[in-house]
């Protein structure tokens, strides 16, 4: 039918736009990996990606939006290298995540930078990202605590959400220390927390 033609064209336009956005994002990840987040501006990325500043801002309204998109894309890429069973405790999840993250230091740096920006005024994109990120990770880990408590692996006299919050805080804090000094006992510290949460029975 004739009405289908503009709809098809519109879908094709969206598909091309999405593909172009993905190309820019893939190239931007390479630029960030080489230059670091602190030394990268939208104009510098546009130049290296081979697009105009206007094209870049069309797909990513600000450098902060691009930073969030780069982090989320990088995080999706590392997910495939994380090996976690259904019975893994919250601490075991973070130990495995830390292992994979150490392979991409730039991603850890970008995460820390976004979280630092999130607590400052005038960074709504970073704040929204951090709020959503912590909410999702906290609930995911809290559910693993509940599952572990039912299975007798985790002590039952602790609140699942409080445990999840503590594990995130420990993991993020150790990650920051690792960025400054990569000899800190990151895994050992998390394993200590694991022992403290283990069911004594």
Protein backbone atom coordinates (compact mmCIF):
# COMPACT_ATOMS: atom_id res chain seq x y z
CA UNK A 1 0.00 0.00 0.00
CA UNK A 2 1.18 3.56 -0.65
CA UNK A 3 1.05 4.40 3.06
CA UNK A 4 3.77 1.81 3.63
CA UNK A 5 6.32 3.69 1.57
CA UNK A 6 7.02 6.58 3.94
CA UNK A 7 6.97 4.20 6.90
CA UNK A 8 9.55 1.99 5.20
CA UNK A 9 11.66 5.01 4.32
CA UNK A 10 11.46 6.26 7.87
CA UNK A 11 12.49 2.86 9.25
CA UNK A 12 15.37 2.74 6.77
CA UNK A 13 16.42 6.23 7.83
CA UNK A 14 16.38 5.23 11.47
CA UNK A 15 18.36 2.08 10.69
CA UNK A 16 21.01 4.09 8.85
CA UNK A 17 21.10 6.61 11.68
CA UNK A 18 21.52 3.87 14.28
CA UNK A 19 24.27 2.24 12.24
CA UNK A 20 26.10 5.55 11.89
CA UNK A 21 25.75 6.21 15.61
CA UNK A 22 27.20 2.76 16.35
CA UNK A 23 30.13 3.42 14.00
CA UNK A 24 30.86 6.69 15.77
CA UNK A 25 30.58 4.99 19.16
CA UNK A 26 32.94 2.16 18.16
CA UNK A 27 35.52 4.65 16.90
CA UNK A 28 35.07 6.90 19.96
CA UNK A 29 35.88 3.94 22.25
CA UNK A 30 39.18 3.52 20.40
CA UNK A 31 39.93 7.24 20.78
CA UNK A 32 39.18 7.18 24.51
CA UNK A 33 41.32 4.08 24.98
CA UNK A 34 44.25 5.86 23.35
CA UNK A 35 43.84 9.41 24.66
CA UNK A 36 42.00 8.92 27.94
CA UNK A 37 38.74 10.61 28.95
CA UNK A 38 40.32 13.71 30.46
CA UNK A 39 42.12 14.69 27.26
CA UNK A 40 39.26 14.12 24.86
CA UNK A 41 36.80 16.76 23.64
CA UNK A 42 33.86 16.41 21.27
CA UNK A 43 35.80 18.28 18.56
CA UNK A 44 38.84 16.04 19.00
CA UNK A 45 36.66 12.94 18.72
CA UNK A 46 34.85 14.34 15.67
CA UNK A 47 38.19 15.00 13.96
CA UNK A 48 39.52 11.51 14.69
CA UNK A 49 36.28 9.75 13.84
CA UNK A 50 36.05 11.68 10.59
CA UNK A 51 32.73 13.43 11.13
CA UNK A 52 31.76 17.04 11.70
CA UNK A 53 31.21 18.43 15.17
CA UNK A 54 27.56 18.93 14.19
CA UNK A 55 27.15 15.24 13.25
CA UNK A 56 28.61 14.17 16.58
CA UNK A 57 26.36 16.47 18.60
CA UNK A 58 23.38 15.25 16.56
CA UNK A 59 23.96 11.72 17.85
CA UNK A 60 25.39 12.64 21.26
CA UNK A 61 24.22 15.99 22.59
CA UNK A 62 27.20 16.55 24.87
CA UNK A 63 30.58 15.10 25.80
CA UNK A 64 28.98 13.69 28.96
CA UNK A 65 26.32 11.86 26.94
CA UNK A 66 29.08 10.41 24.78
CA UNK A 67 31.06 9.37 27.87
CA UNK A 68 28.05 7.52 29.26
CA UNK A 69 27.40 5.84 25.90
CA UNK A 70 31.07 4.83 25.60
CA UNK A 71 31.07 3.35 29.10
CA UNK A 72 27.85 1.39 28.58
CA UNK A 73 29.09 0.06 25.24
CA UNK A 74 32.42 -0.93 26.76
CA UNK A 75 30.66 -2.57 29.68
CA UNK A 76 28.50 -4.61 27.31
CA UNK A 77 31.63 -5.75 25.51
CA UNK A 78 33.28 -6.93 28.74
CA UNK A 79 30.12 -8.75 29.88
CA UNK A 80 30.91 -11.54 27.45
CA UNK A 81 34.18 -12.23 29.27
CA UNK A 82 32.58 -12.49 32.72
CA UNK A 83 31.97 -16.04 33.90
CA UNK A 84 29.49 -16.09 36.80
CA UNK A 85 27.22 -18.95 37.84
CA UNK A 86 23.68 -18.55 39.11
CA UNK A 87 24.80 -19.41 42.64
CA UNK A 88 27.60 -16.82 42.79
CA UNK A 89 27.42 -14.50 45.78
CA UNK A 90 27.48 -10.71 45.38
CA UNK A 91 31.15 -10.62 46.36
CA UNK A 92 32.01 -13.34 43.85
CA UNK A 93 30.22 -11.30 41.18
CA UNK A 94 32.36 -8.26 42.01
CA UNK A 95 35.59 -10.27 42.17
CA UNK A 96 34.95 -11.58 38.66
CA UNK A 97 33.94 -8.12 37.39
CA UNK A 98 37.12 -6.62 38.86
CA UNK A 99 39.20 -9.29 37.13
CA UNK A 100 37.72 -8.40 33.75
CA UNK A 101 37.85 -4.65 34.41
CA UNK A 102 41.59 -4.84 35.08
CA UNK A 103 41.99 -5.84 31.43
CA UNK A 104 40.53 -2.45 30.37
CA UNK A 105 41.91 0.20 32.77
CA UNK A 106 40.43 3.01 30.68
CA UNK A 107 36.93 1.70 31.36
CA UNK A 108 37.56 1.77 35.12
CA UNK A 109 38.89 5.32 34.84
CA UNK A 110 35.85 6.39 32.82
CA UNK A 111 33.48 4.81 35.37
CA UNK A 112 35.22 6.65 38.23
CA UNK A 113 35.10 9.91 36.30
CA UNK A 114 31.37 9.59 35.63
CA UNK A 115 30.61 8.77 39.26
CA UNK A 116 32.63 11.78 40.42
CA UNK A 117 30.74 14.04 38.01
CA UNK A 118 27.40 12.60 39.17
CA UNK A 119 27.71 14.19 42.62
CA UNK A 120 28.45 17.65 41.22
CA UNK A 121 25.86 20.22 40.17
CA UNK A 122 25.35 20.70 36.46
CA UNK A 123 25.90 17.09 35.38
CA UNK A 124 22.37 15.71 34.88
CA UNK A 125 23.44 13.01 32.42
CA UNK A 126 26.09 11.60 34.73
CA UNK A 127 23.72 11.86 37.72
CA UNK A 128 20.96 9.99 35.88
CA UNK A 129 23.45 7.35 34.75
CA UNK A 130 24.80 6.82 38.29
CA UNK A 131 21.31 6.70 39.84
CA UNK A 132 20.12 4.09 37.34
CA UNK A 133 23.39 2.13 37.53
CA UNK A 134 23.46 1.87 41.32
CA UNK A 135 19.76 1.06 41.47
CA UNK A 136 20.09 -1.84 39.01
CA UNK A 137 23.32 -3.26 40.43
CA UNK A 138 22.07 -2.94 44.01
CA UNK A 139 18.86 -4.83 43.25
CA UNK A 140 20.73 -7.50 41.28
CA UNK A 141 23.16 -8.10 44.14
CA UNK A 142 20.43 -7.93 46.78
CA UNK A 143 18.57 -10.70 44.96
CA UNK A 144 21.73 -12.81 45.00
CA UNK A 145 21.93 -12.23 48.77
CA UNK A 146 18.34 -13.43 49.18
CA UNK A 147 19.05 -16.49 47.05
CA UNK A 148 22.22 -17.19 49.05
CA UNK A 149 20.36 -16.84 52.35
CA UNK A 150 17.67 -19.27 51.24
CA UNK A 151 20.36 -21.74 50.15
CA UNK A 152 22.22 -21.39 53.46
CA UNK A 153 25.36 -19.86 51.91
CA UNK A 154 24.95 -16.33 53.32
CA UNK A 155 24.16 -15.45 56.92
CA UNK A 156 20.50 -14.59 57.47
CA UNK A 157 20.97 -11.86 60.09
CA UNK A 158 21.92 -9.25 57.44
CA UNK A 159 19.69 -7.08 55.26
CA UNK A 160 20.11 -7.94 51.54
CA UNK A 161 19.98 -4.32 50.33
CA UNK A 162 22.47 -3.23 52.99
CA UNK A 163 24.82 -6.06 51.98
CA UNK A 164 24.49 -5.11 48.30
CA UNK A 165 25.26 -1.46 49.10
CA UNK A 166 28.30 -2.48 51.16
CA UNK A 167 29.65 -4.77 48.44
CA UNK A 168 29.29 -2.01 45.82
CA UNK A 169 31.03 0.48 48.10
CA UNK A 170 33.89 -1.93 48.81
CA UNK A 171 34.31 -2.84 45.16
CA UNK A 172 34.23 0.77 43.91
CA UNK A 173 36.60 1.96 46.63
CA UNK A 174 39.09 -0.82 45.90
CA UNK A 175 38.82 -0.08 42.20
CA UNK A 176 39.73 3.57 42.83
CA UNK A 177 42.71 2.50 44.94
CA UNK A 178 43.78 0.13 42.15
CA UNK A 179 43.77 2.99 39.64
CA UNK A 180 46.27 4.81 41.88
CA UNK A 181 48.29 1.76 42.96
CA UNK A 182 47.81 -1.49 41.05
CA UNK A 183 49.58 -3.51 43.77
CA UNK A 184 46.79 -3.19 46.34
CA UNK A 185 45.22 -6.54 47.40
CA UNK A 186 41.91 -5.91 45.65
CA UNK A 187 40.84 -9.56 45.35
CA UNK A 188 42.05 -10.43 48.86
CA UNK A 189 40.07 -7.57 50.40
CA UNK A 190 36.90 -8.70 48.64
CA UNK A 191 37.51 -12.30 49.71
CA UNK A 192 37.74 -11.09 53.30
CA UNK A 193 34.31 -9.49 52.92
CA UNK A 194 33.04 -12.76 51.47
CA UNK A 195 34.16 -14.64 54.60
CA UNK A 196 32.45 -12.12 56.87
CA UNK A 197 29.15 -12.61 55.04
CA UNK A 198 29.35 -16.40 54.91
CA UNK A 199 26.82 -18.37 56.94
CA UNK A 200 28.69 -19.58 60.08
CA UNK A 201 26.47 -22.65 60.38
